[in-house]
Amino acid sequence: MKAKSAEIAAKHTIPVIDRMMEILGQLERHVGGLNIRELAQSLKLPRTTVYRIMNTLQRHEVVRRDDDGVYHLGRRLLALAAHTSTRYSDAKLAMTCQPFIDKLAAELGEGIKLSIIDEDGAMVLAAAQGRREYALTVAAGQRMPIHASAAGKLILAYQSGEIIDYWLNQQLPAYTSRTITDPAKLRAEMASIKRAGWASDEGETAPSIHAIATPIFARGGELVAAISVPFLAGAPPDRVAEIRSAAIRTALAASEALCK
């Protein structure tokens, strides 16, 4: 029945809009931008088709073209996002929390992520770069495995039972030997996270990367995001404690700002 519905829906779509969304998806995944040739190759479309679509999108400021002929997502998308109706506007969330993650990045010297959950899992909504030597690079739009990252596990821990069931019934790939792929063990991990009020990733996504994540709540106690601090494995215990304490303090301050 579901396949039949999808087949019927496919007959009532506009192909050029499908192509446009595929192009925007490529630009979302490549933060450094792409040129016409790269877009045409990745999407297996004629260059003339891609060129016409990009010209149209550029005219509406949905994409922008730099001096090197590389296209990026445009400012019009920010304006549209600001008018998106959600339980808590992502644009408002990012705008409110950015000063807090900027301050935390300056304090710790590490890159800081502000992450949310959507239908595809955990996503970085906003980021602040660290200036410390060997600080890990972070960027808005990055995706993280919901079962193997500090932010993903923390956000999932505060979801409803139905949402948790949905994600734990999905395939849970092992990224390292430390990745938890057993749903029962993940449930126990999430219960522990809620008791502690923070989450950690000790090489579950990549062997050389650890992270601490803390929750941000809006009015009414609804979890709306997580602040996470990724750092290289091997940090001494006092440094990890410093990161955890600063992340908890920052998340509390951001939560207070959201509740005003």
C-alpha atoms as a PDB file:
ATOM      1  CA  MET A   1       0.000   0.000   0.000  1.00  0.00           C
ATOM      2  CA  LYS A   2       2.823   2.402   0.904  1.00  0.00           C
ATOM      3  CA  ALA A   3       4.646   1.629  -2.373  1.00  0.00           C
ATOM      4  CA  LYS A   4       1.451   2.240  -4.328  1.00  0.00           C
ATOM      5  CA  SER A   5       0.915   5.597  -2.625  1.00  0.00           C
ATOM      6  CA  ALA A   6       4.500   6.612  -3.448  1.00  0.00           C
ATOM      7  CA  GLU A   7       3.969   5.605  -7.081  1.00  0.00           C
ATOM      8  CA  ILE A   8       0.816   7.730  -7.310  1.00  0.00           C
ATOM      9  CA  ALA A   9       2.541  10.682  -5.644  1.00  0.00           C
ATOM     10  CA  ALA A  10       5.453  10.435  -8.077  1.00  0.00           C
ATOM     11  CA  LYS A  11       3.092  10.948 -10.998  1.00  0.00           C
ATOM     12  CA  HIS A  12       1.999  14.296  -9.597  1.00  0.00           C
ATOM     13  CA  THR A  13       5.377  15.977  -9.160  1.00  0.00           C
ATOM     14  CA  ILE A  14       7.326  18.515 -11.192  1.00  0.00           C
ATOM     15  CA  PRO A  15      10.681  17.079 -12.320  1.00  0.00           C
ATOM     16  CA  VAL A  16      12.498  20.418 -12.475  1.00  0.00           C
ATOM     17  CA  ILE A  17      11.652  21.085  -8.812  1.00  0.00           C
ATOM     18  CA  ASP A  18      12.973  17.638  -7.937  1.00  0.00           C
ATOM     19  CA  ARG A  19      16.229  18.570  -9.719  1.00  0.00           C
ATOM     20  CA  MET A  20      16.333  21.895  -7.895  1.00  0.00           C
ATOM     21  CA  MET A  21      15.984  20.176  -4.507  1.00  0.00           C
ATOM     22  CA  GLU A  22      18.717  17.685  -5.447  1.00  0.00           C
ATOM     23  CA  ILE A  23      21.027  20.594  -6.264  1.00  0.00           C
ATOM     24  CA  LEU A  24      20.261  22.340  -2.966  1.00  0.00           C
ATOM     25  CA  GLY A  25      20.910  19.054  -1.174  1.00  0.00           C
ATOM     26  CA  GLN A  26      24.338  18.818  -2.798  1.00  0.00           C
ATOM     27  CA  LEU A  27      25.183  22.379  -1.742  1.00  0.00           C
ATOM     28  CA  GLU A  28      24.003  21.615   1.800  1.00  0.00           C
ATOM     29  CA  ARG A  29      26.413  18.686   1.995  1.00  0.00           C
ATOM     30  CA  HIS A  30      29.388  20.568   0.511  1.00  0.00           C
ATOM     31  CA  VAL A  31      30.023  23.584   2.736  1.00  0.00           C
ATOM     32  CA  GLY A  32      32.829  24.747   0.442  1.00  0.00           C
ATOM     33  CA  GLY A  33      30.419  25.014  -2.489  1.00  0.00           C
ATOM     34  CA  LEU A  34      30.359  23.365  -5.936  1.00  0.00           C
ATOM     35  CA  ASN A  35      30.735  24.616  -9.496  1.00  0.00           C
ATOM     36  CA  ILE A  36      28.528  23.750 -12.474  1.00  0.00           C
ATOM     37  CA  ARG A  37      30.771  20.892 -13.617  1.00  0.00           C
ATOM     38  CA  GLU A  38      30.832  19.287 -10.170  1.00  0.00           C
ATOM     39  CA  LEU A  39      27.074  19.596  -9.769  1.00  0.00           C
ATOM     40  CA  ALA A  40      26.428  18.110 -13.205  1.00  0.00           C
ATOM     41  CA  GLN A  41      28.758  15.189 -12.494  1.00  0.00           C
ATOM     42  CA  SER A  42      27.390  14.418  -9.035  1.00  0.00           C
ATOM     43  CA  LEU A  43      23.755  14.555 -10.177  1.00  0.00           C
ATOM     44  CA  LYS A  44      24.381  13.031 -13.650  1.00  0.00           C
ATOM     45  CA  LEU A  45      22.533  15.906 -15.306  1.00  0.00           C
ATOM     46  CA  PRO A  46      23.398  17.884 -18.470  1.00  0.00           C
ATOM     47  CA  ARG A  47      25.480  20.952 -17.675  1.00  0.00           C
ATOM     48  CA  THR A  48      23.017  23.166 -19.558  1.00  0.00           C
ATOM     49  CA  THR A  49      20.180  21.949 -17.330  1.00  0.00           C
ATOM     50  CA  VAL A  50      22.163  22.625 -14.170  1.00  0.00           C
ATOM     51  CA  TYR A  51      23.252  26.030 -15.517  1.00  0.00           C
ATOM     52  CA  ARG A  52      19.662  27.139 -16.169  1.00  0.00           C
ATOM     53  CA  ILE A  53      18.505  25.994 -12.743  1.00  0.00           C
ATOM     54  CA  MET A  54      21.414  27.741 -11.004  1.00  0.00           C
ATOM     55  CA  ASN A  55      20.779  30.980 -12.889  1.00  0.00           C
ATOM     56  CA  THR A  56      17.158  30.917 -11.764  1.00  0.00           C
ATOM     57  CA  LEU A  57      18.035  30.133  -8.155  1.00  0.00           C
ATOM     58  CA  GLN A  58      20.694  32.846  -8.146  1.00  0.00           C
ATOM     59  CA  ARG A  59      18.201  35.398  -9.435  1.00  0.00           C
ATOM     60  CA  HIS A  60      16.011  34.639  -6.406  1.00  0.00           C
ATOM     61  CA  GLU A  61      19.038  34.660  -4.028  1.00  0.00           C
ATOM     62  CA  VAL A  62      18.449  31.014  -3.114  1.00  0.00           C
ATOM     63  CA  VAL A  63      22.055  30.373  -4.164  1.00  0.00           C
ATOM     64  CA  ARG A  64      25.001  32.726  -4.636  1.00  0.00           C
ATOM     65  CA  ARG A  65      27.944  32.454  -7.028  1.00  0.00           C
ATOM     66  CA  ASP A  66      31.400  33.587  -5.934  1.00  0.00           C
ATOM     67  CA  ASP A  67      34.151  35.008  -8.139  1.00  0.00           C
ATOM     68  CA  ASP A  68      35.555  31.537  -8.808  1.00  0.00           C
ATOM     69  CA  GLY A  69      32.274  30.266 -10.225  1.00  0.00           C
ATOM     70  CA  VAL A  70      31.510  28.218  -7.111  1.00  0.00           C
ATOM     71  CA  TYR A  71      27.904  28.164  -5.884  1.00  0.00           C
ATOM     72  CA  HIS A  72      26.799  28.285  -2.247  1.00  0.00           C
ATOM     73  CA  LEU A  73      23.439  28.360  -0.474  1.00  0.00           C
ATOM     74  CA  GLY A  74      22.047  31.911  -0.535  1.00  0.00           C
ATOM     75  CA  ARG A  75      20.744  34.393   1.982  1.00  0.00           C
ATOM     76  CA  ARG A  76      17.119  33.975   0.851  1.00  0.00           C
ATOM     77  CA  LEU A  77      17.084  30.577   2.560  1.00  0.00           C
ATOM     78  CA  LEU A  78      17.794  32.254   5.903  1.00  0.00           C
ATOM     79  CA  ALA A  79      14.878  34.619   5.390  1.00  0.00           C
ATOM     80  CA  LEU A  80      12.593  31.716   4.522  1.00  0.00           C
ATOM     81  CA  ALA A  81      13.818  29.692   7.501  1.00  0.00           C
ATOM     82  CA  ALA A  82      13.009  32.572   9.826  1.00  0.00           C
ATOM     83  CA  HIS A  83       9.338  32.269   8.825  1.00  0.00           C
ATOM     84  CA  THR A  84       9.164  28.496   9.207  1.00  0.00           C
ATOM     85  CA  SER A  85       6.534  27.500  11.738  1.00  0.00           C
ATOM     86  CA  THR A  86       7.922  24.927  14.197  1.00  0.00           C
ATOM     87  CA  ARG A  87       7.403  24.122  17.863  1.00  0.00           C
ATOM     88  CA  TYR A  88      10.455  26.247  18.502  1.00  0.00           C
ATOM     89  CA  SER A  89      11.847  28.122  15.497  1.00  0.00           C
ATOM     90  CA  ASP A  90      15.255  26.772  14.486  1.00  0.00           C
ATOM     91  CA  ALA A  91      16.241  30.259  13.357  1.00  0.00           C
ATOM     92  CA  LYS A  92      15.338  31.759  16.739  1.00  0.00           C
ATOM     93  CA  LEU A  93      17.049  28.882  18.540  1.00  0.00           C
ATOM     94  CA  ALA A  94      20.288  29.394  16.605  1.00  0.00           C
ATOM     95  CA  MET A  95      20.183  33.170  17.037  1.00  0.00           C
ATOM     96  CA  THR A  96      19.576  32.937  20.792  1.00  0.00           C
ATOM     97  CA  CYS A  97      22.206  30.270  21.454  1.00  0.00           C
ATOM     98  CA  GLN A  98      24.989  31.504  19.151  1.00  0.00           C
ATOM     99  CA  PRO A  99      26.437  34.010  21.664  1.00  0.00           C
ATOM    100  CA  PHE A 100      26.601  31.275  24.300  1.00  0.00           C
ATOM    101  CA  ILE A 101      28.417  28.772  22.109  1.00  0.00           C
ATOM    102  CA  ASP A 102      30.734  31.539  20.874  1.00  0.00           C
ATOM    103  CA  LYS A 103      31.632  32.345  24.474  1.00  0.00           C
ATOM    104  CA  LEU A 104      32.158  28.666  25.287  1.00  0.00           C
ATOM    105  CA  ALA A 105      34.433  28.229  22.258  1.00  0.00           C
ATOM    106  CA  ALA A 106      36.492  31.213  23.380  1.00  0.00           C
ATOM    107  CA  GLU A 107      36.697  29.882  26.945  1.00  0.00           C
ATOM    108  CA  LEU A 108      37.688  26.307  26.083  1.00  0.00           C
ATOM    109  CA  GLY A 109      39.415  26.875  22.748  1.00  0.00           C
ATOM    110  CA  GLU A 110      37.478  23.914  21.327  1.00  0.00           C
ATOM    111  CA  GLY A 111      34.897  23.812  18.529  1.00  0.00           C
ATOM    112  CA  ILE A 112      31.314  23.883  19.811  1.00  0.00           C
ATOM    113  CA  LYS A 113      28.185  22.444  18.203  1.00  0.00           C
ATOM    114  CA  LEU A 114      24.519  23.281  18.746  1.00  0.00           C
ATOM    115  CA  SER A 115      22.572  20.238  17.570  1.00  0.00           C
ATOM    116  CA  ILE A 116      18.925  19.292  17.078  1.00  0.00           C
ATOM    117  CA  ILE A 117      16.986  16.214  16.012  1.00  0.00           C
ATOM    118  CA  ASP A 118      14.985  15.974  12.794  1.00  0.00           C
ATOM    119  CA  GLU A 119      13.558  13.179  10.656  1.00  0.00           C
ATOM    120  CA  ASP A 120      17.064  12.196   9.530  1.00  0.00           C
ATOM    121  CA  GLY A 121      18.673  12.139  12.975  1.00  0.00           C
ATOM    122  CA  ALA A 122      21.039  14.547  14.726  1.00  0.00           C
ATOM    123  CA  MET A 123      22.112  17.688  12.864  1.00  0.00           C
ATOM    124  CA  VAL A 124      24.368  20.610  13.768  1.00  0.00           C
ATOM    125  CA  LEU A 125      22.217  23.741  13.654  1.00  0.00           C
ATOM    126  CA  ALA A 126      24.968  26.221  14.579  1.00  0.00           C
ATOM    127  CA  ALA A 127      28.656  26.055  15.426  1.00  0.00           C
ATOM    128  CA  ALA A 128      31.528  28.074  16.865  1.00  0.00           C
ATOM    129  CA  GLN A 129      35.143  27.401  15.914  1.00  0.00           C
ATOM    130  CA  GLY A 130      37.783  26.811  18.562  1.00  0.00           C
ATOM    131  CA  ARG A 131      41.201  28.519  18.521  1.00  0.00           C
ATOM    132  CA  ARG A 132      43.068  25.941  20.569  1.00  0.00           C
ATOM    133  CA  GLU A 133      45.819  23.995  18.785  1.00  0.00           C
ATOM    134  CA  TYR A 134      44.313  20.799  17.344  1.00  0.00           C
ATOM    135  CA  ALA A 135      40.750  22.015  17.954  1.00  0.00           C
ATOM    136  CA  LEU A 136      38.382  20.015  15.775  1.00  0.00           C
ATOM    137  CA  THR A 137      36.608  21.779  12.912  1.00  0.00           C
ATOM    138  CA  VAL A 138      32.845  22.101  13.304  1.00  0.00           C
ATOM    139  CA  ALA A 139      30.225  23.410  10.878  1.00  0.00           C
ATOM    140  CA  ALA A 140      26.474  23.920  10.701  1.00  0.00           C
ATOM    141  CA  GLY A 141      24.792  21.231   8.634  1.00  0.00           C
ATOM    142  CA  GLN A 142      27.028  18.400   9.822  1.00  0.00           C
ATOM    143  CA  ARG A 143      25.248  15.129  10.515  1.00  0.00           C
ATOM    144  CA  MET A 144      26.015  12.838  13.452  1.00  0.00           C
ATOM    145  CA  PRO A 145      24.873   9.272  14.134  1.00  0.00           C
ATOM    146  CA  ILE A 146      22.064   9.502  16.634  1.00  0.00           C
ATOM    147  CA  HIS A 147      23.137   6.351  18.498  1.00  0.00           C
ATOM    148  CA  ALA A 148      26.893   6.939  18.513  1.00  0.00           C
ATOM    149  CA  SER A 149      27.448  10.651  19.179  1.00  0.00           C
ATOM    150  CA  ALA A 150      27.228  12.475  22.503  1.00  0.00           C
ATOM    151  CA  ALA A 151      24.676  14.984  21.198  1.00  0.00           C
ATOM    152  CA  GLY A 152      22.651  12.337  19.376  1.00  0.00           C
ATOM    153  CA  LYS A 153      22.369  10.062  22.404  1.00  0.00           C
ATOM    154  CA  LEU A 154      21.531  12.959  24.702  1.00  0.00           C
ATOM    155  CA  ILE A 155      18.794  14.351  22.458  1.00  0.00           C
ATOM    156  CA  LEU A 156      17.318  10.909  21.888  1.00  0.00           C
ATOM    157  CA  ALA A 157      17.274  10.216  25.631  1.00  0.00           C
ATOM    158  CA  TYR A 158      14.773  13.044  26.134  1.00  0.00           C
ATOM    159  CA  GLN A 159      12.402  12.021  23.320  1.00  0.00           C
ATOM    160  CA  SER A 160       9.076  10.242  23.693  1.00  0.00           C
ATOM    161  CA  GLY A 161       8.962   6.461  23.892  1.00  0.00           C
ATOM    162  CA  GLU A 162       7.580   6.248  20.351  1.00  0.00           C
ATOM    163  CA  ILE A 163      10.472   8.249  18.885  1.00  0.00           C
ATOM    164  CA  ILE A 164      13.043   6.248  20.840  1.00  0.00           C
ATOM    165  CA  ASP A 165      11.438   3.005  19.623  1.00  0.00           C
ATOM    166  CA  TYR A 166      11.539   4.254  16.043  1.00  0.00           C
ATOM    167  CA  TRP A 167      15.269   5.010  16.124  1.00  0.00           C
ATOM    168  CA  LEU A 168      16.259   1.892  18.031  1.00  0.00           C
ATOM    169  CA  ASN A 169      14.395  -0.239  15.507  1.00  0.00           C
ATOM    170  CA  GLN A 170      16.599   1.143  12.733  1.00  0.00           C
ATOM    171  CA  GLN A 171      19.890  -0.399  11.702  1.00  0.00           C
ATOM    172  CA  LEU A 172      22.541   0.744  14.204  1.00  0.00           C
ATOM    173  CA  PRO A 173      25.921   0.535  12.450  1.00  0.00           C
ATOM    174  CA  ALA A 174      29.148   0.146  14.399  1.00  0.00           C
ATOM    175  CA  TYR A 175      31.581   2.952  13.582  1.00  0.00           C
ATOM    176  CA  THR A 176      34.228   1.742  16.041  1.00  0.00           C
ATOM    177  CA  SER A 177      34.611  -1.090  18.528  1.00  0.00           C
ATOM    178  CA  ARG A 178      33.087   1.228  21.163  1.00  0.00           C
ATOM    179  CA  THR A 179      29.837   1.945  19.283  1.00  0.00           C
ATOM    180  CA  ILE A 180      26.778   0.660  21.139  1.00  0.00           C
ATOM    181  CA  THR A 181      24.601  -1.241  18.651  1.00  0.00           C
ATOM    182  CA  ASP A 182      22.482  -3.288  21.072  1.00  0.00           C
ATOM    183  CA  PRO A 183      19.098  -1.502  21.572  1.00  0.00           C
ATOM    184  CA  ALA A 184      18.825  -2.741  25.162  1.00  0.00           C
ATOM    185  CA  LYS A 185      22.266  -1.342  26.017  1.00  0.00           C
ATOM    186  CA  LEU A 186      21.366   1.950  24.334  1.00  0.00           C
ATOM    187  CA  ARG A 187      18.214   2.207  26.425  1.00  0.00           C
ATOM    188  CA  ALA A 188      20.300   1.699  29.554  1.00  0.00           C
ATOM    189  CA  GLU A 189      22.768   4.308  28.300  1.00  0.00           C
ATOM    190  CA  MET A 190      19.979   6.842  27.721  1.00  0.00           C
ATOM    191  CA  ALA A 191      18.552   6.245  31.195  1.00  0.00           C
ATOM    192  CA  SER A 192      22.015   6.918  32.616  1.00  0.00           C
ATOM    193  CA  ILE A 193      22.305  10.086  30.511  1.00  0.00           C
ATOM    194  CA  LYS A 194      19.032  11.458  31.874  1.00  0.00           C
ATOM    195  CA  ARG A 195      20.120  10.758  35.449  1.00  0.00           C
ATOM    196  CA  ALA A 196      23.466  12.479  34.924  1.00  0.00           C
ATOM    197  CA  GLY A 197      22.157  15.375  32.822  1.00  0.00           C
ATOM    198  CA  TRP A 198      24.941  15.049  30.243  1.00  0.00           C
ATOM    199  CA  ALA A 199      26.279  12.565  27.686  1.00  0.00           C
ATOM    200  CA  SER A 200      29.675  11.497  26.434  1.00  0.00           C
ATOM    201  CA  ASP A 201      31.134   9.919  23.324  1.00  0.00           C
ATOM    202  CA  GLU A 202      34.366   8.110  24.095  1.00  0.00           C
ATOM    203  CA  GLY A 203      35.417   7.084  20.620  1.00  0.00           C
ATOM    204  CA  GLU A 204      32.043   5.711  19.508  1.00  0.00           C
ATOM    205  CA  THR A 205      31.942   7.646  16.239  1.00  0.00           C
ATOM    206  CA  ALA A 206      35.682   7.870  15.555  1.00  0.00           C
ATOM    207  CA  PRO A 207      38.458   6.314  17.675  1.00  0.00           C
ATOM    208  CA  SER A 208      40.401   9.567  18.039  1.00  0.00           C
ATOM    209  CA  ILE A 209      37.452  11.803  18.941  1.00  0.00           C
ATOM    210  CA  HIS A 210      35.673  12.169  22.282  1.00  0.00           C
ATOM    211  CA  ALA A 211      32.844  14.579  23.123  1.00  0.00           C
ATOM    212  CA  ILE A 212      30.663  15.902  25.934  1.00  0.00           C
ATOM    213  CA  ALA A 213      27.057  17.019  25.343  1.00  0.00           C
ATOM    214  CA  THR A 214      24.626  18.904  27.577  1.00  0.00           C
ATOM    215  CA  PRO A 215      20.883  19.641  27.140  1.00  0.00           C
ATOM    216  CA  ILE A 216      19.164  22.932  26.363  1.00  0.00           C
ATOM    217  CA  PHE A 217      15.558  23.245  27.498  1.00  0.00           C
ATOM    218  CA  ALA A 218      12.850  25.720  26.508  1.00  0.00           C
ATOM    219  CA  ARG A 219       9.921  26.922  28.593  1.00  0.00           C
ATOM    220  CA  GLY A 220       7.940  23.968  29.908  1.00  0.00           C
ATOM    221  CA  GLY A 221      10.981  21.737  30.172  1.00  0.00           C
ATOM    222  CA  GLU A 222      11.030  20.676  26.514  1.00  0.00           C
ATOM    223  CA  LEU A 223      14.477  19.704  25.260  1.00  0.00           C
ATOM    224  CA  VAL A 224      15.147  21.694  22.090  1.00  0.00           C
ATOM    225  CA  ALA A 225      18.871  21.211  21.437  1.00  0.00           C
ATOM    226  CA  ALA A 226      22.189  19.980  22.748  1.00  0.00           C
ATOM    227  CA  ILE A 227      25.507  21.737  23.146  1.00  0.00           C
ATOM    228  CA  SER A 228      28.417  19.415  22.424  1.00  0.00           C
ATOM    229  CA  VAL A 229      32.168  19.826  22.675  1.00  0.00           C
ATOM    230  CA  PRO A 230      34.238  17.421  20.542  1.00  0.00           C
ATOM    231  CA  PHE A 231      37.921  17.040  21.409  1.00  0.00           C
ATOM    232  CA  LEU A 232      40.816  14.719  20.678  1.00  0.00           C
ATOM    233  CA  ALA A 233      41.052  11.501  22.668  1.00  0.00           C
ATOM    234  CA  GLY A 234      43.728  11.402  25.330  1.00  0.00           C
ATOM    235  CA  ALA A 235      42.725  14.546  27.217  1.00  0.00           C
ATOM    236  CA  PRO A 236      43.591  14.251  30.930  1.00  0.00           C
ATOM    237  CA  PRO A 237      40.709  13.786  33.416  1.00  0.00           C
ATOM    238  CA  ASP A 238      40.943  17.338  34.736  1.00  0.00           C
ATOM    239  CA  ARG A 239      40.590  18.720  31.198  1.00  0.00           C
ATOM    240  CA  VAL A 240      37.545  16.524  30.550  1.00  0.00           C
ATOM    241  CA  ALA A 241      36.024  17.706  33.836  1.00  0.00           C
ATOM    242  CA  GLU A 242      36.691  21.326  32.819  1.00  0.00           C
ATOM    243  CA  ILE A 243      34.940  20.782  29.466  1.00  0.00           C
ATOM    244  CA  ARG A 244      31.977  19.058  31.095  1.00  0.00           C
ATOM    245  CA  SER A 245      31.544  21.759  33.751  1.00  0.00           C
ATOM    246  CA  ALA A 246      31.755  24.596  31.213  1.00  0.00           C
ATOM    247  CA  ALA A 247      29.302  22.859  28.832  1.00  0.00           C
ATOM    248  CA  ILE A 248      26.773  22.283  31.641  1.00  0.00           C
ATOM    249  CA  ARG A 249      27.063  25.914  32.762  1.00  0.00           C
ATOM    250  CA  THR A 250      26.623  27.178  29.183  1.00  0.00           C
ATOM    251  CA  ALA A 251      23.600  24.965  28.509  1.00  0.00           C
ATOM    252  CA  LEU A 252      21.919  26.225  31.685  1.00  0.00           C
ATOM    253  CA  ALA A 253      22.542  29.847  30.669  1.00  0.00           C
ATOM    254  CA  ALA A 254      21.199  29.229  27.159  1.00  0.00           C
ATOM    255  CA  SER A 255      18.119  27.509  28.619  1.00  0.00           C
ATOM    256  CA  GLU A 256      17.452  30.508  30.848  1.00  0.00           C
ATOM    257  CA  ALA A 257      17.698  32.834  27.844  1.00  0.00           C
ATOM    258  CA  LEU A 258      15.221  30.724  25.882  1.00  0.00           C
ATOM    259  CA  CYS A 259      12.733  30.784  28.760  1.00  0.00           C
ATOM    260  CA  LYS A 260      12.634  34.589  29.050  1.00  0.00           C
END
